[in-house]
Structures are given as structure tokens and as C-alpha cells.
Protein backbone atom coordinates (compact mmCIF):
# COMPACT_ATOMS: atom_id res chain seq x y z
CA MET A 1 -8.75 65.97 -41.76
CA ALA A 2 -10.13 67.37 -38.50
CA LEU A 3 -10.29 65.24 -35.40
CA THR A 4 -13.71 64.35 -34.06
CA ALA A 5 -14.32 64.41 -30.33
CA VAL A 6 -16.94 64.12 -27.65
CA ILE A 7 -16.21 66.46 -24.75
CA ASP A 8 -17.29 65.66 -21.22
CA THR A 9 -19.42 68.38 -19.62
CA ASN A 10 -16.87 69.35 -16.98
CA ILE A 11 -14.23 69.92 -19.65
CA LEU A 12 -16.54 72.09 -21.73
CA LEU A 13 -17.58 73.98 -18.59
CA VAL A 14 -14.02 74.92 -17.62
CA SER A 15 -13.10 75.84 -21.20
CA ILE A 16 -15.72 78.57 -21.66
CA SER A 17 -14.06 81.37 -19.70
CA ASP A 18 -11.25 83.16 -21.51
CA LYS A 19 -9.46 83.23 -18.14
CA SER A 20 -9.31 79.43 -17.97
CA PRO A 21 -6.15 77.49 -18.87
CA TYR A 22 -8.51 75.21 -20.83
CA HIS A 23 -10.04 78.01 -22.92
CA TRP A 24 -8.11 76.71 -25.94
CA ILE A 25 -10.66 73.86 -26.10
CA TYR A 26 -13.58 76.24 -26.62
CA GLU A 27 -11.54 78.50 -28.90
CA GLY A 28 -10.44 75.51 -30.97
CA LEU A 29 -14.06 74.52 -31.38
CA ARG A 30 -15.06 78.06 -32.34
CA LYS A 31 -12.24 78.18 -34.91
CA GLY A 32 -13.18 74.79 -36.38
CA LEU A 33 -9.97 73.00 -35.37
CA TYR A 34 -11.96 69.87 -34.55
CA ASN A 35 -15.45 68.46 -34.87
CA LEU A 36 -17.58 68.07 -31.76
CA LEU A 37 -20.22 65.36 -31.59
CA VAL A 38 -23.23 66.09 -29.39
CA SER A 39 -26.36 64.07 -28.65
CA THR A 40 -29.55 65.58 -27.28
CA ASP A 41 -28.78 64.11 -23.84
CA ILE A 42 -25.34 65.72 -23.85
CA ALA A 43 -26.68 69.11 -24.97
CA LEU A 44 -29.24 69.02 -22.15
CA GLU A 45 -26.52 68.21 -19.62
CA TYR A 46 -24.29 70.98 -21.00
CA GLU A 47 -27.15 73.44 -20.58
CA GLU A 48 -27.98 72.27 -17.05
CA ILE A 49 -24.43 72.24 -15.69
CA ILE A 50 -23.30 75.46 -17.37
CA GLY A 51 -26.47 77.10 -16.08
CA GLN A 52 -25.76 75.95 -12.52
CA HIS A 53 -22.18 77.25 -12.58
CA MET A 54 -22.29 80.26 -14.88
CA GLY A 55 -25.95 81.22 -15.08
CA ASN A 56 -28.76 80.46 -17.50
CA ASP A 57 -27.85 83.30 -19.88
CA VAL A 58 -24.35 81.90 -20.40
CA ALA A 59 -25.75 78.40 -20.82
CA SER A 60 -28.23 79.63 -23.42
CA ASP A 61 -25.52 81.55 -25.30
CA VAL A 62 -23.20 78.52 -25.36
CA LEU A 63 -25.97 76.22 -26.64
CA LYS A 64 -26.93 78.74 -29.34
CA ALA A 65 -23.29 78.96 -30.40
CA LEU A 66 -23.00 75.18 -30.57
CA GLU A 67 -26.06 75.08 -32.81
CA ARG A 68 -24.45 77.62 -35.18
CA TYR A 69 -20.99 76.08 -35.47
CA PRO A 70 -20.79 73.91 -38.60
CA ASN A 71 -18.28 71.63 -36.88
CA VAL A 72 -20.72 70.66 -34.11
CA LEU A 73 -22.50 67.57 -35.33
CA SER A 74 -25.65 66.06 -33.89
CA VAL A 75 -25.55 62.35 -33.12
CA HIS A 76 -28.50 60.10 -32.40
CA ARG A 77 -27.73 57.04 -30.35
CA TYR A 78 -29.70 53.97 -31.32
CA TYR A 79 -28.20 51.66 -28.76
CA ARG A 80 -27.27 52.05 -25.10
CA TRP A 81 -24.04 50.20 -24.35
CA ASN A 82 -24.20 50.72 -20.56
CA LEU A 83 -20.44 50.27 -20.20
CA ILE A 84 -19.91 52.66 -17.25
CA LYS A 85 -21.26 51.00 -14.13
CA ALA A 86 -19.71 53.39 -11.57
CA ASP A 87 -21.67 56.39 -12.93
CA PRO A 88 -24.35 55.28 -15.41
CA ASP A 89 -25.07 58.92 -16.34
CA ASP A 90 -21.66 58.99 -18.07
CA ASN A 91 -22.84 56.41 -20.61
CA LYS A 92 -24.37 59.14 -22.79
CA PHE A 93 -20.84 60.25 -23.69
CA VAL A 94 -19.65 56.72 -24.48
CA ASP A 95 -22.75 56.05 -26.59
CA CYS A 96 -22.17 59.29 -28.51
CA VAL A 97 -18.54 58.37 -29.24
CA ILE A 98 -19.59 54.97 -30.55
CA ALA A 99 -22.66 56.13 -32.51
CA GLY A 100 -20.80 59.04 -34.10
CA GLY A 101 -17.48 57.29 -34.67
CA ALA A 102 -15.56 59.93 -32.69
CA ASP A 103 -11.79 59.71 -32.54
CA TYR A 104 -11.64 60.72 -28.89
CA LEU A 105 -13.57 61.24 -25.69
CA VAL A 106 -11.99 64.17 -23.85
CA THR A 107 -12.39 63.98 -20.08
CA ASN A 108 -10.65 64.07 -16.72
CA ASP A 109 -13.28 61.77 -15.21
CA LYS A 110 -11.71 58.55 -13.94
CA HIS A 111 -14.96 56.60 -14.47
CA PHE A 112 -14.02 56.43 -18.16
CA ASP A 113 -10.60 54.85 -17.51
CA MET A 114 -12.08 51.34 -17.58
CA LEU A 115 -12.82 51.79 -21.28
CA GLY A 116 -9.12 51.34 -22.05
CA ALA A 117 -9.38 47.68 -21.06
CA LEU A 118 -12.13 46.95 -23.59
CA ASP A 119 -11.32 45.50 -26.99
CA PHE A 120 -14.83 46.22 -28.23
CA PRO A 121 -16.32 48.69 -28.61
CA ARG A 122 -13.18 50.79 -28.94
CA VAL A 123 -13.38 54.17 -27.19
CA THR A 124 -10.20 56.22 -26.93
CA VAL A 125 -10.23 58.39 -23.83
CA VAL A 126 -7.78 61.29 -23.58
CA ARG A 127 -7.11 63.98 -21.03
CA PRO A 128 -7.24 67.60 -22.23
CA ASP A 129 -3.45 67.98 -22.48
CA ALA A 130 -3.19 64.89 -24.69
CA PHE A 131 -6.02 66.26 -26.84
CA LYS A 132 -4.10 69.54 -27.19
CA ASN A 133 -1.06 67.61 -28.44
CA LEU A 134 -3.21 65.66 -30.90
CA LEU A 135 -4.72 68.88 -32.25
CA ALA A 136 -1.26 70.41 -32.66
CA LYS A 137 -0.18 67.43 -34.78
CA THR A 138 -3.17 67.75 -37.12
CA SER A 139 -2.99 71.51 -37.70
């Protein structure tokens, strides 16, 4: 069974280029090695940030690809948990994990570290290298 993840914008951003050491994340998604959960808020942030760093054409192409991949699943959040106080904008990722029942939130952002101390709701945060090891075990 494929793992299900929510990927922080900065991780997706650095995984797009085939010259990046994190390109395996985007390639793994393209190859269907895991399921990606995305809410509307997350998709809008992906588009904005990728557009700022790589141009609007690249952002548009990435969003179109995400819409085509059968392993990219849309999630609607019905409740805002507001667990991240240090950067409230990060809550969209936590809410998506919870609403979609994702196995992991993949990020390097330290604002999410506080989630490890919570018993409920359970959100498992992993760094990209740990996610790579988890994917290797499931394939």
C-alpha cells in the first residue's frame, strides 16, 4: 500500500528541478510511489511560491501535472485546528494531514516540530531523508 503524504511548499519547490538532490520527491510522485494530499489552500500556495522562484509558466505546468496525476488527492478541510502558533499560515498543511488521514507531513520547517509533543491529533512530521527511507521500505 502506498504511503500518503502532505508535502510542505518549500520541499516541493526544491524537488522540481532535475538538478536538485531532492528531485526524487517529485519523480516519486510522478511515478506513483506515494499519494500526495493537497487542499485548495496548499495548491494556491504551491502556485504562488513556485511562480515567484521559477516563473509562472513552471508553476502552471506543475499545477497542471498535479491535477493529472491519479495519486494526487484533493482534500477539503472542514475544521481549522490552529495548532501552529509561530506561523499560522503553516496550519493549512496540518489541517490537510488530519482531514485526509495522511501518514506523513514532509518538511524541513522547524515550526512543525511542536506537533511531536501532541498526543491528539496525531501528525507525524518527517524530514525528506526520513521520507526517502520510508518510501524505500514500502517499494
